[in-house]
PDB file of all heavy atoms in Angstrom:
ATOM      1  N   ALA A   1      -9.113  41.004  10.268  1.00  0.00           N
ATOM      2  CA  ALA A   1      -8.372  40.012   9.491  1.00  0.00           C
ATOM      3  C   ALA A   1      -9.186  38.731   9.354  1.00  0.00           C
ATOM      4  O   ALA A   1     -10.079  38.415  10.144  1.00  0.00           O
ATOM      5  CB  ALA A   1      -7.076  39.703  10.134  1.00  0.00           C
ATOM      6  N   LEU A   2      -8.908  37.991   8.289  1.00  0.00           N
ATOM      7  CA  LEU A   2      -9.542  36.663   8.053  1.00  0.00           C
ATOM      8  C   LEU A   2      -8.652  35.568   8.598  1.00  0.00           C
ATOM      9  O   LEU A   2      -7.409  35.597   8.372  1.00  0.00           O
ATOM     10  CB  LEU A   2      -9.796  36.487   6.556  1.00  0.00           C
ATOM     11  CG  LEU A   2     -10.675  37.520   5.892  1.00  0.00           C
ATOM     12  CD1 LEU A   2     -10.752  37.235   4.359  1.00  0.00           C
ATOM     13  CD2 LEU A   2     -12.067  37.468   6.489  1.00  0.00           C
ATOM     14  N   ALA A   3      -9.239  34.658   9.346  1.00  0.00           N
ATOM     15  CA  ALA A   3      -8.437  33.564   9.901  1.00  0.00           C
ATOM     16  C   ALA A   3      -8.757  32.228   9.205  1.00  0.00           C
ATOM     17  O   ALA A   3      -9.911  31.982   8.845  1.00  0.00           O
ATOM     18  CB  ALA A   3      -8.795  33.373  11.440  1.00  0.00           C
ATOM     19  N   SER A   4      -7.744  31.466   8.948  1.00  0.00           N
ATOM     20  CA  SER A   4      -7.920  30.144   8.270  1.00  0.00           C
ATOM     21  C   SER A   4      -6.930  29.207   8.873  1.00  0.00           C
ATOM     22  O   SER A   4      -5.868  29.577   9.346  1.00  0.00           O
ATOM     23  CB  SER A   4      -7.724  30.252   6.766  1.00  0.00           C
ATOM     24  OG  SER A   4      -6.393  30.735   6.466  1.00  0.00           O
ATOM     25  N   ALA A   5      -7.269  27.872   8.781  1.00  0.00           N
ATOM     26  CA  ALA A   5      -6.427  26.829   9.340  1.00  0.00           C
ATOM     27  C   ALA A   5      -6.034  25.850   8.245  1.00  0.00           C
ATOM     28  O   ALA A   5      -6.883  25.585   7.301  1.00  0.00           O
ATOM     29  CB  ALA A   5      -7.100  26.084  10.436  1.00  0.00           C
ATOM     30  N   HIS A   6      -4.835  25.369   8.276  1.00  0.00           N
ATOM     31  CA  HIS A   6      -4.320  24.409   7.285  1.00  0.00           C
ATOM     32  C   HIS A   6      -3.631  23.260   7.957  1.00  0.00           C
ATOM     33  O   HIS A   6      -2.588  23.514   8.668  1.00  0.00           O
ATOM     34  CB  HIS A   6      -3.394  25.105   6.270  1.00  0.00           C
ATOM     35  CG  HIS A   6      -3.914  26.294   5.672  1.00  0.00           C
ATOM     36  ND1 HIS A   6      -4.802  26.264   4.595  1.00  0.00           N
ATOM     37  CD2 HIS A   6      -3.824  27.658   5.973  1.00  0.00           C
ATOM     38  CE1 HIS A   6      -5.154  27.484   4.213  1.00  0.00           C
ATOM     39  NE2 HIS A   6      -4.497  28.385   5.090  1.00  0.00           N
ATOM     40  N   PRO A   7      -4.108  22.004   7.934  1.00  0.00           N
ATOM     41  CA  PRO A   7      -5.393  21.662   7.372  1.00  0.00           C
ATOM     42  C   PRO A   7      -6.512  21.917   8.307  1.00  0.00           C
ATOM     43  O   PRO A   7      -6.285  22.095   9.532  1.00  0.00           O
ATOM     44  CB  PRO A   7      -5.216  20.161   7.096  1.00  0.00           C
ATOM     45  CG  PRO A   7      -4.305  19.735   8.180  1.00  0.00           C
ATOM     46  CD  PRO A   7      -3.386  20.852   8.416  1.00  0.00           C
ATOM     47  N   GLN A   8      -7.750  21.832   7.781  1.00  0.00           N
ATOM     48  CA  GLN A   8      -8.846  22.109   8.659  1.00  0.00           C
ATOM     49  C   GLN A   8      -9.257  20.854   9.415  1.00  0.00           C
ATOM     50  O   GLN A   8      -9.956  20.982  10.452  1.00  0.00           O
ATOM     51  CB  GLN A   8     -10.076  22.643   7.856  1.00  0.00           C
ATOM     52  CG  GLN A   8      -9.861  24.041   7.315  1.00  0.00           C
ATOM     53  CD  GLN A   8     -11.108  24.560   6.632  1.00  0.00           C
ATOM     54  OE1 GLN A   8     -11.880  23.789   6.061  1.00  0.00           O
ATOM     55  NE2 GLN A   8     -11.255  25.901   6.623  1.00  0.00           N
ATOM     56  N   VAL A   9      -8.856  19.688   8.926  1.00  0.00           N
ATOM     57  CA  VAL A   9      -9.105  18.448   9.648  1.00  0.00           C
ATOM     58  C   VAL A   9      -7.750  17.756   9.865  1.00  0.00           C
ATOM     59  O   VAL A   9      -7.010  17.462   8.936  1.00  0.00           O
ATOM     60  CB  VAL A   9     -10.009  17.483   8.788  1.00  0.00           C
ATOM     61  CG1 VAL A   9     -10.219  16.140   9.520  1.00  0.00           C
ATOM     62  CG2 VAL A   9     -11.386  18.173   8.505  1.00  0.00           C
ATOM     63  N   VAL A  10      -7.413  17.567  11.142  1.00  0.00           N
ATOM     64  CA  VAL A  10      -6.184  16.935  11.524  1.00  0.00           C
ATOM     65  C   VAL A  10      -6.475  15.501  11.980  1.00  0.00           C
ATOM     66  O   VAL A  10      -7.310  15.320  12.888  1.00  0.00           O
ATOM     67  CB  VAL A  10      -5.485  17.720  12.688  1.00  0.00           C
ATOM     68  CG1 VAL A  10      -4.132  17.027  13.006  1.00  0.00           C
ATOM     69  CG2 VAL A  10      -5.288  19.143  12.211  1.00  0.00           C
ATOM     70  N   ARG A  11      -5.871  14.503  11.320  1.00  0.00           N
ATOM     71  CA  ARG A  11      -6.139  13.157  11.632  1.00  0.00           C
ATOM     72  C   ARG A  11      -4.928  12.558  12.393  1.00  0.00           C
ATOM     73  O   ARG A  11      -3.833  12.646  11.954  1.00  0.00           O
ATOM     74  CB  ARG A  11      -6.392  12.324  10.360  1.00  0.00           C
ATOM     75  CG  ARG A  11      -7.529  12.849   9.537  1.00  0.00           C
ATOM     76  CD  ARG A  11      -7.832  11.999   8.311  1.00  0.00           C
ATOM     77  NE  ARG A  11      -8.876  12.580   7.493  1.00  0.00           N
ATOM     78  CZ  ARG A  11     -10.177  12.535   7.699  1.00  0.00           C
ATOM     79  NH1 ARG A  11     -10.603  11.781   8.799  1.00  0.00           N
ATOM     80  NH2 ARG A  11     -11.068  13.101   6.923  1.00  0.00           N
ATOM     81  N   LEU A  12      -5.217  11.928  13.543  1.00  0.00           N
ATOM     82  CA  LEU A  12      -4.203  11.345  14.385  1.00  0.00           C
ATOM     83  C   LEU A  12      -4.532   9.871  14.533  1.00  0.00           C
ATOM     84  O   LEU A  12      -5.613   9.495  15.017  1.00  0.00           O
ATOM     85  CB  LEU A  12      -4.132  12.053  15.755  1.00  0.00           C
ATOM     86  CG  LEU A  12      -3.902  13.511  15.830  1.00  0.00           C
ATOM     87  CD1 LEU A  12      -3.934  14.015  17.276  1.00  0.00           C
ATOM     88  CD2 LEU A  12      -2.614  13.887  15.124  1.00  0.00           C
ATOM     89  N   ALA A  13      -3.546   9.008  14.105  1.00  0.00           N
ATOM     90  CA  ALA A  13      -3.767   7.599  14.200  1.00  0.00           C
ATOM     91  C   ALA A  13      -2.680   7.058  15.204  1.00  0.00           C
ATOM     92  O   ALA A  13      -1.497   7.165  14.871  1.00  0.00           O
ATOM     93  CB  ALA A  13      -3.630   6.920  12.820  1.00  0.00           C
ATOM     94  N   ASP A  14      -3.190   6.566  16.272  1.00  0.00           N
ATOM     95  CA  ASP A  14      -2.298   5.936  17.289  1.00  0.00           C
ATOM     96  C   ASP A  14      -1.284   6.871  17.921  1.00  0.00           C
ATOM     97  O   ASP A  14      -0.268   6.534  18.451  1.00  0.00           O
ATOM     98  CB  ASP A  14      -1.525   4.684  16.712  1.00  0.00           C
ATOM     99  CG  ASP A  14      -2.488   3.611  16.362  1.00  0.00           C
ATOM    100  OD1 ASP A  14      -3.484   3.353  17.069  1.00  0.00           O
ATOM    101  OD2 ASP A  14      -2.215   2.922  15.336  1.00  0.00           O
ATOM    102  N   VAL A  15      -1.615   8.204  17.805  1.00  0.00           N
ATOM    103  CA  VAL A  15      -0.695   9.223  18.422  1.00  0.00           C
ATOM    104  C   VAL A  15      -1.643  10.242  19.104  1.00  0.00           C
ATOM    105  O   VAL A  15      -2.862  10.379  18.735  1.00  0.00           O
ATOM    106  CB  VAL A  15       0.170   9.956  17.427  1.00  0.00           C
ATOM    107  CG1 VAL A  15       1.206   8.976  16.851  1.00  0.00           C
ATOM    108  CG2 VAL A  15      -0.623  10.587  16.252  1.00  0.00           C
ATOM    109  N   ALA A  16      -1.110  10.925  20.044  1.00  0.00           N
ATOM    110  CA  ALA A  16      -1.944  11.939  20.819  1.00  0.00           C
ATOM    111  C   ALA A  16      -1.524  13.365  20.525  1.00  0.00           C
ATOM    112  O   ALA A  16      -2.131  14.305  21.114  1.00  0.00           O
ATOM    113  CB  ALA A  16      -1.874  11.632  22.299  1.00  0.00           C
ATOM    114  N   GLU A  17      -0.521  13.594  19.661  1.00  0.00           N
ATOM    115  CA  GLU A  17      -0.082  14.918  19.424  1.00  0.00           C
ATOM    116  C   GLU A  17      -0.120  15.210  17.899  1.00  0.00           C
ATOM    117  O   GLU A  17       0.038  14.312  17.097  1.00  0.00           O
ATOM    118  CB  GLU A  17       1.389  15.130  19.910  1.00  0.00           C
ATOM    119  CG  GLU A  17       1.478  14.950  21.410  1.00  0.00           C
ATOM    120  CD  GLU A  17       2.955  15.144  21.838  1.00  0.00           C
ATOM    121  OE1 GLU A  17       3.792  15.226  20.941  1.00  0.00           O
ATOM    122  OE2 GLU A  17       3.201  15.248  23.069  1.00  0.00           O
ATOM    123  N   GLY A  18      -0.337  16.511  17.608  1.00  0.00           N
ATOM    124  CA  GLY A  18      -0.429  16.907  16.246  1.00  0.00           C
ATOM    125  C   GLY A  18      -0.089  18.360  16.064  1.00  0.00           C
ATOM    126  O   GLY A  18       0.042  19.145  17.042  1.00  0.00           O
ATOM    127  N   THR A  19       0.018  18.830  14.852  1.00  0.00           N
ATOM    128  CA  THR A  19       0.291  20.246  14.520  1.00  0.00           C
ATOM    129  C   THR A  19      -0.540  20.709  13.347  1.00  0.00           C
ATOM    130  O   THR A  19      -0.889  19.860  12.446  1.00  0.00           O
ATOM    131  CB  THR A  19       1.805  20.492  14.216  1.00  0.00           C
ATOM    132  OG1 THR A  19       2.170  19.684  13.087  1.00  0.00           O
ATOM    133  CG2 THR A  19       2.633  20.073  15.394  1.00  0.00           C
ATOM    134  N   PHE A  20      -0.806  21.944  13.233  1.00  0.00           N
ATOM    135  CA  PHE A  20      -1.361  22.536  12.038  1.00  0.00           C
ATOM    136  C   PHE A  20      -0.973  23.989  12.068  1.00  0.00           C
ATOM    137  O   PHE A  20      -0.395  24.530  13.029  1.00  0.00           O
ATOM    138  CB  PHE A  20      -2.922  22.346  11.987  1.00  0.00           C
ATOM    139  CG  PHE A  20      -3.623  23.001  13.167  1.00  0.00           C
ATOM    140  CD1 PHE A  20      -4.163  24.287  13.069  1.00  0.00           C
ATOM    141  CD2 PHE A  20      -3.908  22.176  14.276  1.00  0.00           C
ATOM    142  CE1 PHE A  20      -4.834  24.801  14.176  1.00  0.00           C
ATOM    143  CE2 PHE A  20      -4.563  22.728  15.351  1.00  0.00           C
ATOM    144  CZ  PHE A  20      -5.083  24.066  15.298  1.00  0.00           C
ATOM    145  N   THR A  21      -1.370  24.729  11.014  1.00  0.00           N
ATOM    146  CA  THR A  21      -0.945  26.165  10.867  1.00  0.00           C
ATOM    147  C   THR A  21      -2.167  27.031  10.806  1.00  0.00           C
ATOM    148  O   THR A  21      -3.204  26.692  10.157  1.00  0.00           O
ATOM    149  CB  THR A  21      -0.153  26.343   9.574  1.00  0.00           C
ATOM    150  OG1 THR A  21       0.988  25.486   9.614  1.00  0.00           O
ATOM    151  CG2 THR A  21       0.290  27.742   9.387  1.00  0.00           C
ATOM    152  N   VAL A  22      -2.170  28.153  11.493  1.00  0.00           N
ATOM    153  CA  VAL A  22      -3.204  29.223  11.444  1.00  0.00           C
ATOM    154  C   VAL A  22      -2.618  30.444  10.698  1.00  0.00           C
ATOM    155  O   VAL A  22      -1.536  30.881  10.994  1.00  0.00           O
ATOM    156  CB  VAL A  22      -3.630  29.596  12.868  1.00  0.00           C
ATOM    157  CG1 VAL A  22      -4.565  30.802  12.819  1.00  0.00           C
ATOM    158  CG2 VAL A  22      -4.325  28.451  13.543  1.00  0.00           C
ATOM    159  N   GLN A  23      -3.468  30.886   9.701  1.00  0.00           N
ATOM    160  CA  GLN A  23      -3.026  32.040   8.946  1.00  0.00           C
ATOM    161  C   GLN A  23      -4.004  33.191   9.191  1.00  0.00           C
ATOM    162  O   GLN A  23      -5.232  33.009   9.137  1.00  0.00           O
ATOM    163  CB  GLN A  23      -2.930  31.716   7.443  1.00  0.00           C
ATOM    164  CG  GLN A  23      -2.400  32.901   6.616  1.00  0.00           C
ATOM    165  CD  GLN A  23      -2.445  32.567   5.125  1.00  0.00           C
ATOM    166  OE1 GLN A  23      -3.547  32.494   4.527  1.00  0.00           O
ATOM    167  NE2 GLN A  23      -1.302  32.412   4.551  1.00  0.00           N
ATOM    168  N   LEU A  24      -3.508  34.398   9.382  1.00  0.00           N
ATOM    169  CA  LEU A  24      -4.273  35.625   9.525  1.00  0.00           C
ATOM    170  C   LEU A  24      -3.996  36.485   8.263  1.00  0.00           C
ATOM    171  O   LEU A  24      -2.844  36.804   7.980  1.00  0.00           O
ATOM    172  CB  LEU A  24      -3.986  36.367  10.800  1.00  0.00           C
ATOM    173  CG  LEU A  24      -4.268  35.549  12.090  1.00  0.00           C
ATOM    174  CD1 LEU A  24      -3.876  36.446  13.280  1.00  0.00           C
ATOM    175  CD2 LEU A  24      -5.757  35.245  12.190  1.00  0.00           C
ATOM    176  N   ASP A  25      -5.096  36.886   7.617  1.00  0.00           N
ATOM    177  CA  ASP A  25      -5.027  37.692   6.334  1.00  0.00           C
ATOM    178  C   ASP A  25      -5.430  39.079   6.611  1.00  0.00           C
ATOM    179  O   ASP A  25      -6.634  39.391   6.873  1.00  0.00           O
ATOM    180  CB  ASP A  25      -5.827  36.978   5.257  1.00  0.00           C
ATOM    181  CG  ASP A  25      -5.621  37.619   3.918  1.00  0.00           C
ATOM    182  OD1 ASP A  25      -5.078  38.742   3.848  1.00  0.00           O
ATOM    183  OD2 ASP A  25      -6.039  36.987   2.894  1.00  0.00           O
ATOM    184  N   ASN A  26      -4.513  40.073   6.533  1.00  0.00           N
ATOM    185  CA  ASN A  26      -4.839  41.503   6.762  1.00  0.00           C
ATOM    186  C   ASN A  26      -4.714  42.260   5.426  1.00  0.00           C
ATOM    187  O   ASN A  26      -4.473  43.524   5.530  1.00  0.00           O
ATOM    188  CB  ASN A  26      -3.897  42.043   7.829  1.00  0.00           C
ATOM    189  CG  ASN A  26      -4.403  43.397   8.421  1.00  0.00           C
ATOM    190  OD1 ASN A  26      -5.567  43.627   8.549  1.00  0.00           O
ATOM    191  ND2 ASN A  26      -3.434  44.264   8.740  1.00  0.00           N
ATOM    192  N   ARG A  27      -4.867  41.650   4.294  1.00  0.00           N
ATOM    193  CA  ARG A  27      -4.674  42.339   3.059  1.00  0.00           C
ATOM    194  C   ARG A  27      -5.761  43.397   2.789  1.00  0.00           C
ATOM    195  O   ARG A  27      -5.563  44.248   1.874  1.00  0.00           O
ATOM    196  CB  ARG A  27      -4.517  41.363   1.930  1.00  0.00           C
ATOM    197  CG  ARG A  27      -3.174  40.635   1.912  1.00  0.00           C
ATOM    198  CD  ARG A  27      -3.058  39.583   0.824  1.00  0.00           C
ATOM    199  NE  ARG A  27      -3.952  38.405   1.138  1.00  0.00           N
ATOM    200  CZ  ARG A  27      -4.051  37.287   0.430  1.00  0.00           C
ATOM    201  NH1 ARG A  27      -3.239  37.179  -0.637  1.00  0.00           N
ATOM    202  NH2 ARG A  27      -4.817  36.271   0.779  1.00  0.00           N
ATOM    203  N   ALA A  28      -6.846  43.285   3.425  1.00  0.00           N
ATOM    204  CA  ALA A  28      -7.919  44.256   3.181  1.00  0.00           C
ATOM    205  C   ALA A  28      -7.833  45.445   4.080  1.00  0.00           C
ATOM    206  O   ALA A  28      -8.628  46.435   3.922  1.00  0.00           O
ATOM    207  CB  ALA A  28      -9.340  43.584   3.390  1.00  0.00           C
ATOM    208  N   ALA A  29      -6.914  45.556   5.004  1.00  0.00           N
ATOM    209  CA  ALA A  29      -6.751  46.699   5.896  1.00  0.00           C
ATOM    210  C   ALA A  29      -5.433  47.394   5.623  1.00  0.00           C
ATOM    211  O   ALA A  29      -4.440  46.794   5.157  1.00  0.00           O
ATOM    212  CB  ALA A  29      -6.800  46.229   7.379  1.00  0.00           C
ATOM    213  N   ASN A  30      -5.457  48.682   5.909  1.00  0.00           N
ATOM    214  CA  ASN A  30      -4.221  49.520   5.592  1.00  0.00           C
ATOM    215  C   ASN A  30      -3.504  49.881   6.860  1.00  0.00           C
ATOM    216  O   ASN A  30      -2.698  50.858   6.872  1.00  0.00           O
ATOM    217  CB  ASN A  30      -4.627  50.784   4.854  1.00  0.00           C
ATOM    218  CG  ASN A  30      -5.378  51.802   5.712  1.00  0.00           C
ATOM    219  OD1 ASN A  30      -5.942  51.380   6.738  1.00  0.00           O
ATOM    220  ND2 ASN A  30      -5.504  53.019   5.247  1.00  0.00           N
ATOM    221  N   PHE A  31      -3.681  49.177   7.961  1.00  0.00           N
ATOM    222  CA  PHE A  31      -2.957  49.441   9.189  1.00  0.00           C
ATOM    223  C   PHE A  31      -2.539  48.127   9.872  1.00  0.00           C
ATOM    224  O   PHE A  31      -3.170  47.086   9.613  1.00  0.00           O
ATOM    225  CB  PHE A  31      -3.776  50.335  10.124  1.00  0.00           C
ATOM    226  CG  PHE A  31      -5.110  49.721  10.590  1.00  0.00           C
ATOM    227  CD1 PHE A  31      -5.172  49.015  11.765  1.00  0.00           C
ATOM    228  CD2 PHE A  31      -6.206  49.844   9.735  1.00  0.00           C
ATOM    229  CE1 PHE A  31      -6.394  48.483  12.163  1.00  0.00           C
ATOM    230  CE2 PHE A  31      -7.401  49.277  10.157  1.00  0.00           C
ATOM    231  CZ  PHE A  31      -7.540  48.631  11.317  1.00  0.00           C
ATOM    232  N   ASP A  32      -1.531  48.201  10.656  1.00  0.00           N
ATOM    233  CA  ASP A  32      -1.016  47.023  11.361  1.00  0.00           C
ATOM    234  C   ASP A  32      -1.929  46.578  12.480  1.00  0.00           C
ATOM    235  O   ASP A  32      -2.652  47.416  13.071  1.00  0.00           O
ATOM    236  CB  ASP A  32       0.425  47.265  11.959  1.00  0.00           C
ATOM    237  CG  ASP A  32       1.426  47.606  10.907  1.00  0.00           C
ATOM    238  OD1 ASP A  32       1.158  47.278   9.738  1.00  0.00           O
ATOM    239  OD2 ASP A  32       2.483  48.160  11.286  1.00  0.00           O
ATOM    240  N   ARG A  33      -1.957  45.287  12.760  1.00  0.00           N
ATOM    241  CA  ARG A  33      -2.727  44.724  13.876  1.00  0.00           C
ATOM    242  C   ARG A  33      -1.806  43.774  14.694  1.00  0.00           C
ATOM    243  O   ARG A  33      -0.903  43.189  14.178  1.00  0.00           O
ATOM    244  CB  ARG A  33      -3.918  43.963  13.348  1.00  0.00           C
ATOM    245  CG  ARG A  33      -4.931  44.778  12.646  1.00  0.00           C
ATOM    246  CD  ARG A  33      -6.100  43.896  12.174  1.00  0.00           C
ATOM    247  NE  ARG A  33      -7.107  44.599  11.346  1.00  0.00           N
ATOM    248  CZ  ARG A  33      -8.163  45.203  11.834  1.00  0.00           C
ATOM    249  NH1 ARG A  33      -8.359  45.231  13.129  1.00  0.00           N
ATOM    250  NH2 ARG A  33      -9.025  45.816  11.019  1.00  0.00           N
ATOM    251  N   ARG A  34      -2.194  43.644  15.927  1.00  0.00           N
ATOM    252  CA  ARG A  34      -1.551  42.613  16.761  1.00  0.00           C
ATOM    253  C   ARG A  34      -2.650  41.770  17.423  1.00  0.00           C
ATOM    254  O   ARG A  34      -3.513  42.256  18.128  1.00  0.00           O
ATOM    255  CB  ARG A  34      -0.664  43.324  17.888  1.00  0.00           C
ATOM    256  CG  ARG A  34      -0.226  42.326  18.969  1.00  0.00           C
ATOM    257  CD  ARG A  34       0.768  42.967  19.936  1.00  0.00           C
ATOM    258  NE  ARG A  34       2.077  43.031  19.314  1.00  0.00           N
ATOM    259  CZ  ARG A  34       3.158  43.279  19.967  1.00  0.00           C
ATOM    260  NH1 ARG A  34       3.166  43.471  21.266  1.00  0.00           N
ATOM    261  NH2 ARG A  34       4.303  43.351  19.314  1.00  0.00           N
ATOM    262  N   TYR A  35      -2.502  40.451  17.144  1.00  0.00           N
ATOM    263  CA  TYR A  35      -3.466  39.521  17.650  1.00  0.00           C
ATOM    264  C   TYR A  35      -2.824  38.552  18.672  1.00  0.00           C
ATOM    265  O   TYR A  35      -1.702  38.146  18.458  1.00  0.00           O
ATOM    266  CB  TYR A  35      -4.041  38.681  16.482  1.00  0.00           C
ATOM    267  CG  TYR A  35      -5.036  39.413  15.628  1.00  0.00           C
ATOM    268  CD1 TYR A  35      -4.602  39.980  14.435  1.00  0.00           C
ATOM    269  CD2 TYR A  35      -6.365  39.534  16.013  1.00  0.00           C
ATOM    270  CE1 TYR A  35      -5.533  40.637  13.598  1.00  0.00           C
ATOM    271  CE2 TYR A  35      -7.256  40.195  15.243  1.00  0.00           C
ATOM    272  CZ  TYR A  35      -6.848  40.753  13.998  1.00  0.00           C
ATOM    273  OH  TYR A  35      -7.734  41.400  13.202  1.00  0.00           O
TER     274      TYR A  35
END
């Protein structure tokens, strides 16, 4: 699978915590995967 992050750059101003999203793309394979 292909892995991507959104956003790729996380900016934190005056805070110490943040969040972002990781996406796994399995559209090129014909079987299930568990990561």
